[in-house]
PDB file of N, CA and C in Angstrom:
ATOM      1  N   MET A   1       1.028  -1.486  -0.095  1.00  0.00           N
ATOM      2  CA  MET A   1       0.145   0.266   0.155  1.00  0.00           C
ATOM      3  C   MET A   1       0.933   1.443  -0.254  1.00  0.00           C
ATOM      4  N   SER A   2       0.548   2.400  -0.979  1.00  0.00           N
ATOM      5  CA  SER A   2       1.417   3.356  -0.839  1.00  0.00           C
ATOM      6  C   SER A   2       0.154   4.724  -0.684  1.00  0.00           C
ATOM      7  N   PHE A   3       0.867   5.908  -0.670  1.00  0.00           N
ATOM      8  CA  PHE A   3      -0.142   7.234  -0.595  1.00  0.00           C
ATOM      9  C   PHE A   3       0.542   8.051  -1.486  1.00  0.00           C
ATOM     10  N   ALA A   4      -0.096   8.881  -1.712  1.00  0.00           N
ATOM     11  CA  ALA A   4      -0.494  10.161  -2.914  1.00  0.00           C
ATOM     12  C   ALA A   4      -0.626  11.739  -2.043  1.00  0.00           C
ATOM     13  N   VAL A   5      -0.271  12.250  -2.631  1.00  0.00           N
ATOM     14  CA  VAL A   5      -0.246  13.600  -1.580  1.00  0.00           C
ATOM     15  C   VAL A   5      -0.589  14.468  -2.806  1.00  0.00           C
ATOM     16  N   PHE A   6      -1.706  15.502  -2.314  1.00  0.00           N
ATOM     17  CA  PHE A   6      -1.916  16.795  -3.347  1.00  0.00           C
ATOM     18  C   PHE A   6      -2.706  17.321  -2.916  1.00  0.00           C
ATOM     19  N   THR A   7      -2.755  18.559  -3.940  1.00  0.00           N
ATOM     20  CA  THR A   7      -3.514  20.020  -3.256  1.00  0.00           C
ATOM     21  C   THR A   7      -4.483  19.879  -4.038  1.00  0.00           C
ATOM     22  N   ARG A   8      -5.571  20.404  -3.719  1.00  0.00           N
ATOM     23  CA  ARG A   8      -6.864  21.207  -4.606  1.00  0.00           C
ATOM     24  C   ARG A   8      -7.751  22.073  -3.533  1.00  0.00           C
ATOM     25  N   THR A   9      -8.500  22.955  -4.324  1.00  0.00           N
ATOM     26  CA  THR A   9      -9.451  23.687  -3.739  1.00  0.00           C
ATOM     27  C   THR A   9     -10.885  23.461  -3.752  1.00  0.00           C
ATOM     28  N   TRP A  10     -11.278  23.898  -2.552  1.00  0.00           N
ATOM     29  CA  TRP A  10     -12.726  23.371  -2.419  1.00  0.00           C
ATOM     30  C   TRP A  10     -13.975  24.178  -2.579  1.00  0.00           C
ATOM     31  N   TRP A  11     -13.452  25.675  -2.858  1.00  0.00           N
ATOM     32  CA  TRP A  11     -14.844  26.741  -3.466  1.00  0.00           C
ATOM     33  C   TRP A  11     -14.073  26.865  -5.138  1.00  0.00           C
ATOM     34  N   LYS A  12     -15.164  27.715  -5.603  1.00  0.00           N
ATOM     35  CA  LYS A  12     -15.264  28.104  -6.999  1.00  0.00           C
ATOM     36  C   LYS A  12     -15.879  30.006  -6.861  1.00  0.00           C
ATOM     37  N   GLU A  13     -15.297  30.237  -7.963  1.00  0.00           N
ATOM     38  CA  GLU A  13     -16.046  31.732  -7.900  1.00  0.00           C
ATOM     39  C   GLU A  13     -17.502  31.480  -8.266  1.00  0.00           C
ATOM     40  N   SER A  14     -18.375  32.139  -8.088  1.00  0.00           N
ATOM     41  CA  SER A  14     -20.168  32.065  -8.461  1.00  0.00           C
ATOM     42  C   SER A  14     -20.850  32.945  -7.746  1.00  0.00           C
ATOM     43  N   PRO A  15     -20.956  34.285  -8.789  1.00  0.00           N
ATOM     44  CA  PRO A  15     -21.418  35.491  -8.492  1.00  0.00           C
ATOM     45  C   PRO A  15     -23.283  34.784  -7.793  1.00  0.00           C
ATOM     46  N   ASP A  16     -23.623  33.829  -7.966  1.00  0.00           N
ATOM     47  CA  ASP A  16     -25.238  33.433  -7.949  1.00  0.00           C
ATOM     48  C   ASP A  16     -24.898  32.951  -6.325  1.00  0.00           C
ATOM     49  N   TRP A  17     -23.830  32.486  -5.955  1.00  0.00           N
ATOM     50  CA  TRP A  17     -24.299  31.988  -4.388  1.00  0.00           C
ATOM     51  C   TRP A  17     -23.349  33.178  -3.168  1.00  0.00           C
ATOM     52  N   PRO A  18     -23.944  32.735  -2.340  1.00  0.00           N
ATOM     53  CA  PRO A  18     -23.349  33.941  -1.109  1.00  0.00           C
ATOM     54  C   PRO A  18     -21.747  33.770  -0.958  1.00  0.00           C
ATOM     55  N   ASN A  19     -21.249  34.986  -0.719  1.00  0.00           N
ATOM     56  CA  ASN A  19     -19.871  35.375  -0.528  1.00  0.00           C
ATOM     57  C   ASN A  19     -19.566  35.334  -1.900  1.00  0.00           C
ATOM     58  N   GLY A  20     -20.237  34.843  -2.916  1.00  0.00           N
ATOM     59  CA  GLY A  20     -19.784  34.371  -4.307  1.00  0.00           C
ATOM     60  C   GLY A  20     -18.675  33.573  -4.491  1.00  0.00           C
ATOM     61  N   LEU A  21     -19.427  32.299  -3.222  1.00  0.00           N
ATOM     62  CA  LEU A  21     -18.150  31.124  -3.278  1.00  0.00           C
ATOM     63  C   LEU A  21     -19.262  30.133  -3.590  1.00  0.00           C
ATOM     64  N   GLU A  22     -18.877  29.012  -4.620  1.00  0.00           N
ATOM     65  CA  GLU A  22     -19.993  27.962  -4.465  1.00  0.00           C
ATOM     66  C   GLU A  22     -18.720  26.533  -4.178  1.00  0.00           C
ATOM     67  N   PRO A  23     -19.421  25.695  -3.430  1.00  0.00           N
ATOM     68  CA  PRO A  23     -18.311  24.436  -2.910  1.00  0.00           C
ATOM     69  C   PRO A  23     -18.319  23.726  -4.130  1.00  0.00           C
ATOM     70  N   GLU A  24     -17.303  23.234  -4.815  1.00  0.00           N
ATOM     71  CA  GLU A  24     -16.317  22.229  -5.453  1.00  0.00           C
ATOM     72  C   GLU A  24     -15.506  22.077  -5.359  1.00  0.00           C
ATOM     73  N   ALA A  25     -14.994  20.689  -4.786  1.00  0.00           N
ATOM     74  CA  ALA A  25     -13.673  19.960  -5.263  1.00  0.00           C
ATOM     75  C   ALA A  25     -13.196  19.979  -6.522  1.00  0.00           C
ATOM     76  N   GLY A  26     -11.912  20.861  -6.374  1.00  0.00           N
ATOM     77  CA  GLY A  26     -11.297  21.400  -8.011  1.00  0.00           C
ATOM     78  C   GLY A  26     -10.399  19.998  -8.273  1.00  0.00           C
ATOM     79  N   ARG A  27      -9.694  20.122  -9.267  1.00  0.00           N
ATOM     80  CA  ARG A  27      -8.582  19.353 -10.126  1.00  0.00           C
ATOM     81  C   ARG A  27      -7.430  19.103  -8.512  1.00  0.00           C
ATOM     82  N   LYS A  28      -6.724  17.439  -8.682  1.00  0.00           N
ATOM     83  CA  LYS A  28      -5.943  17.430  -7.824  1.00  0.00           C
ATOM     84  C   LYS A  28      -4.642  17.963  -8.548  1.00  0.00           C
ATOM     85  N   THR A  29      -3.960  17.981  -7.766  1.00  0.00           N
ATOM     86  CA  THR A  29      -2.357  18.670  -8.488  1.00  0.00           C
ATOM     87  C   THR A  29      -1.695  17.991  -7.441  1.00  0.00           C
ATOM     88  N   TYR A  30      -0.769  16.677  -8.000  1.00  0.00           N
ATOM     89  CA  TYR A  30      -0.181  15.983  -7.014  1.00  0.00           C
ATOM     90  C   TYR A  30       1.451  16.093  -6.619  1.00  0.00           C
ATOM     91  N   LEU A  31       1.666  16.515  -5.460  1.00  0.00           N
ATOM     92  CA  LEU A  31       3.134  17.180  -4.982  1.00  0.00           C
ATOM     93  C   LEU A  31       3.489  15.912  -5.100  1.00  0.00           C
ATOM     94  N   GLU A  32       3.533  14.117  -3.943  1.00  0.00           N
ATOM     95  CA  GLU A  32       4.575  13.286  -4.135  1.00  0.00           C
ATOM     96  C   GLU A  32       3.493  12.119  -3.833  1.00  0.00           C
ATOM     97  N   ARG A  33       3.657  10.777  -4.972  1.00  0.00           N
ATOM     98  CA  ARG A  33       3.140   9.853  -5.092  1.00  0.00           C
ATOM     99  C   ARG A  33       4.218   8.833  -4.291  1.00  0.00           C
ATOM    100  N   GLY A  34       3.762   7.477  -3.766  1.00  0.00           N
ATOM    101  CA  GLY A  34       4.427   6.047  -3.559  1.00  0.00           C
ATOM    102  C   GLY A  34       5.096   6.493  -2.457  1.00  0.00           C
ATOM    103  N   LEU A  35       4.352   7.366  -1.266  1.00  0.00           N
ATOM    104  CA  LEU A  35       4.958   7.317   0.135  1.00  0.00           C
ATOM    105  C   LEU A  35       4.328   6.031   0.363  1.00  0.00           C
ATOM    106  N   GLU A  36       5.151   5.592   0.990  1.00  0.00           N
ATOM    107  CA  GLU A  36       5.133   3.936   2.310  1.00  0.00           C
ATOM    108  C   GLU A  36       4.305   4.585   3.457  1.00  0.00           C
ATOM    109  N   SER A  37       4.262   5.218   3.747  1.00  0.00           N
ATOM    110  CA  SER A  37       3.341   5.306   4.894  1.00  0.00           C
ATOM    111  C   SER A  37       2.223   6.297   5.240  1.00  0.00           C
ATOM    112  N   GLU A  38       0.761   6.153   5.829  1.00  0.00           N
ATOM    113  CA  GLU A  38      -0.245   7.092   6.173  1.00  0.00           C
ATOM    114  C   GLU A  38       0.806   8.636   7.100  1.00  0.00           C
ATOM    115  N   GLU A  39       1.337   7.678   7.935  1.00  0.00           N
ATOM    116  CA  GLU A  39       2.381   8.648   8.576  1.00  0.00           C
ATOM    117  C   GLU A  39       2.878   9.807   7.846  1.00  0.00           C
ATOM    118  N   ASP A  40       3.827   9.019   6.815  1.00  0.00           N
ATOM    119  CA  ASP A  40       4.656  10.068   6.259  1.00  0.00           C
ATOM    120  C   ASP A  40       3.673  11.133   5.486  1.00  0.00           C
ATOM    121  N   ALA A  41       2.504  10.026   4.863  1.00  0.00           N
ATOM    122  CA  ALA A  41       1.526  11.226   4.123  1.00  0.00           C
ATOM    123  C   ALA A  41       1.010  12.591   4.998  1.00  0.00           C
ATOM    124  N   ARG A  42       0.516  11.974   6.239  1.00  0.00           N
ATOM    125  CA  ARG A  42       0.079  13.250   7.151  1.00  0.00           C
ATOM    126  C   ARG A  42       0.872  14.185   7.314  1.00  0.00           C
ATOM    127  N   ALA A  43       2.259  13.809   7.653  1.00  0.00           N
ATOM    128  CA  ALA A  43       3.280  14.630   8.065  1.00  0.00           C
ATOM    129  C   ALA A  43       3.577  16.107   6.750  1.00  0.00           C
ATOM    130  N   LEU A  44       3.878  15.380   5.487  1.00  0.00           N
ATOM    131  CA  LEU A  44       3.821  16.216   4.185  1.00  0.00           C
ATOM    132  C   LEU A  44       2.350  17.340   3.954  1.00  0.00           C
ATOM    133  N   CYS A  45       1.045  16.701   4.255  1.00  0.00           N
ATOM    134  CA  CYS A  45      -0.037  17.436   4.077  1.00  0.00           C
ATOM    135  C   CYS A  45       0.299  18.369   5.320  1.00  0.00           C
ATOM    136  N   HIS A  46       0.507  17.825   6.640  1.00  0.00           N
ATOM    137  CA  HIS A  46       0.637  19.066   7.774  1.00  0.00           C
ATOM    138  C   HIS A  46       1.793  20.072   7.200  1.00  0.00           C
ATOM    139  N   ASP A  47       2.827  19.547   6.721  1.00  0.00           N
ATOM    140  CA  ASP A  47       4.081  21.026   6.669  1.00  0.00           C
ATOM    141  C   ASP A  47       3.558  21.717   5.628  1.00  0.00           C
ATOM    142  N   TRP A  48       2.913  21.011   4.388  1.00  0.00           N
ATOM    143  CA  TRP A  48       2.579  21.789   3.230  1.00  0.00           C
ATOM    144  C   TRP A  48       1.299  22.978   3.622  1.00  0.00           C
ATOM    145  N   ASN A  49       0.205  22.611   4.166  1.00  0.00           N
ATOM    146  CA  ASN A  49      -0.417  23.305   4.744  1.00  0.00           C
ATOM    147  C   ASN A  49      -0.237  24.658   5.974  1.00  0.00           C
ATOM    148  N   ARG A  50       0.972  23.789   6.874  1.00  0.00           N
ATOM    149  CA  ARG A  50       1.187  25.112   7.775  1.00  0.00           C
ATOM    150  C   ARG A  50       2.071  26.118   6.849  1.00  0.00           C
ATOM    151  N   ASN A  51       2.611  25.787   5.999  1.00  0.00           N
ATOM    152  CA  ASN A  51       3.271  26.661   4.834  1.00  0.00           C
ATOM    153  C   ASN A  51       3.020  27.537   3.690  1.00  0.00           C
ATOM    154  N   HIS A  52       1.760  27.703   3.796  1.00  0.00           N
ATOM    155  CA  HIS A  52       0.744  28.043   2.655  1.00  0.00           C
ATOM    156  C   HIS A  52      -0.685  28.513   3.002  1.00  0.00           C
ATOM    157  N   GLU A  53      -0.740  29.450   2.496  1.00  0.00           N
ATOM    158  CA  GLU A  53      -1.908  30.557   2.999  1.00  0.00           C
ATOM    159  C   GLU A  53      -2.737  29.732   2.122  1.00  0.00           C
ATOM    160  N   ALA A  54      -4.282  29.106   2.975  1.00  0.00           N
ATOM    161  CA  ALA A  54      -5.289  28.513   2.013  1.00  0.00           C
ATOM    162  C   ALA A  54      -5.676  29.315   0.892  1.00  0.00           C
ATOM    163  N   GLY A  55      -6.548  30.689   1.418  1.00  0.00           N
ATOM    164  CA  GLY A  55      -6.642  31.730   0.720  1.00  0.00           C
ATOM    165  C   GLY A  55      -8.359  31.174   0.117  1.00  0.00           C
ATOM    166  N   ARG A  56      -8.786  32.021  -0.595  1.00  0.00           N
ATOM    167  CA  ARG A  56     -10.633  32.368  -0.524  1.00  0.00           C
ATOM    168  C   ARG A  56     -10.415  31.117  -1.409  1.00  0.00           C
ATOM    169  N   LEU A  57      -9.747  30.272  -2.088  1.00  0.00           N
ATOM    170  CA  LEU A  57     -11.197  29.075  -2.456  1.00  0.00           C
ATOM    171  C   LEU A  57     -10.129  27.786  -1.685  1.00  0.00           C
ATOM    172  N   SER A  58      -9.699  28.322  -0.623  1.00  0.00           N
ATOM    173  CA  SER A  58      -9.436  27.211   0.602  1.00  0.00           C
ATOM    174  C   SER A  58      -8.494  25.679  -0.127  1.00  0.00           C
ATOM    175  N   LEU A  59      -7.294  26.370  -0.727  1.00  0.00           N
ATOM    176  CA  LEU A  59      -6.419  25.930  -1.452  1.00  0.00           C
ATOM    177  C   LEU A  59      -5.482  24.753   0.018  1.00  0.00           C
ATOM    178  N   LYS A  60      -5.565  23.457  -0.168  1.00  0.00           N
ATOM    179  CA  LYS A  60      -5.433  22.479   1.061  1.00  0.00           C
ATOM    180  C   LYS A  60      -4.614  21.490   0.346  1.00  0.00           C
ATOM    181  N   ALA A  61      -3.511  20.577   0.757  1.00  0.00           N
ATOM    182  CA  ALA A  61      -3.346  19.523   0.871  1.00  0.00           C
ATOM    183  C   ALA A  61      -4.064  18.561   1.529  1.00  0.00           C
ATOM    184  N   GLU A  62      -4.046  17.315   0.770  1.00  0.00           N
ATOM    185  CA  GLU A  62      -4.775  15.853   1.373  1.00  0.00           C
ATOM    186  C   GLU A  62      -4.073  14.901   0.934  1.00  0.00           C
ATOM    187  N   PHE A  63      -4.353  13.998   1.473  1.00  0.00           N
ATOM    188  CA  PHE A  63      -3.622  12.651   0.808  1.00  0.00           C
ATOM    189  C   PHE A  63      -4.648  11.567   0.261  1.00  0.00           C
ATOM    190  N   GLU A  64      -4.391  10.184  -0.597  1.00  0.00           N
ATOM    191  CA  GLU A  64      -5.416   9.293  -0.655  1.00  0.00           C
ATOM    192  C   GLU A  64      -4.229   8.017  -0.844  1.00  0.00           C
ATOM    193  N   GLU A  65      -4.962   6.806  -0.800  1.00  0.00           N
ATOM    194  CA  GLU A  65      -4.312   5.913  -0.883  1.00  0.00           C
ATOM    195  C   GLU A  65      -4.156   5.455  -2.307  1.00  0.00           C
ATOM    196  N   GLU A  66      -3.137   4.977  -2.502  1.00  0.00           N
ATOM    197  CA  GLU A  66      -2.749   4.753  -4.164  1.00  0.00           C
ATOM    198  C   GLU A  66      -3.321   2.705  -4.704  1.00  0.00           C
TER     199      GLU A  66
END
């Protein structure tokens, strides 16, 4: 079992929604693949999220099992 870490947004601009934001999971952009442990994947997500501002569209790092 291996894990992949990626980033994506959770909102999109939409003037018809409150605050101009509509919920939508964006396209995944992979940061790293083939991590051998969930602990490593969690640590990479934590570090990336700590060092990058999520911004208006809530860009965050996540992981998934490959």
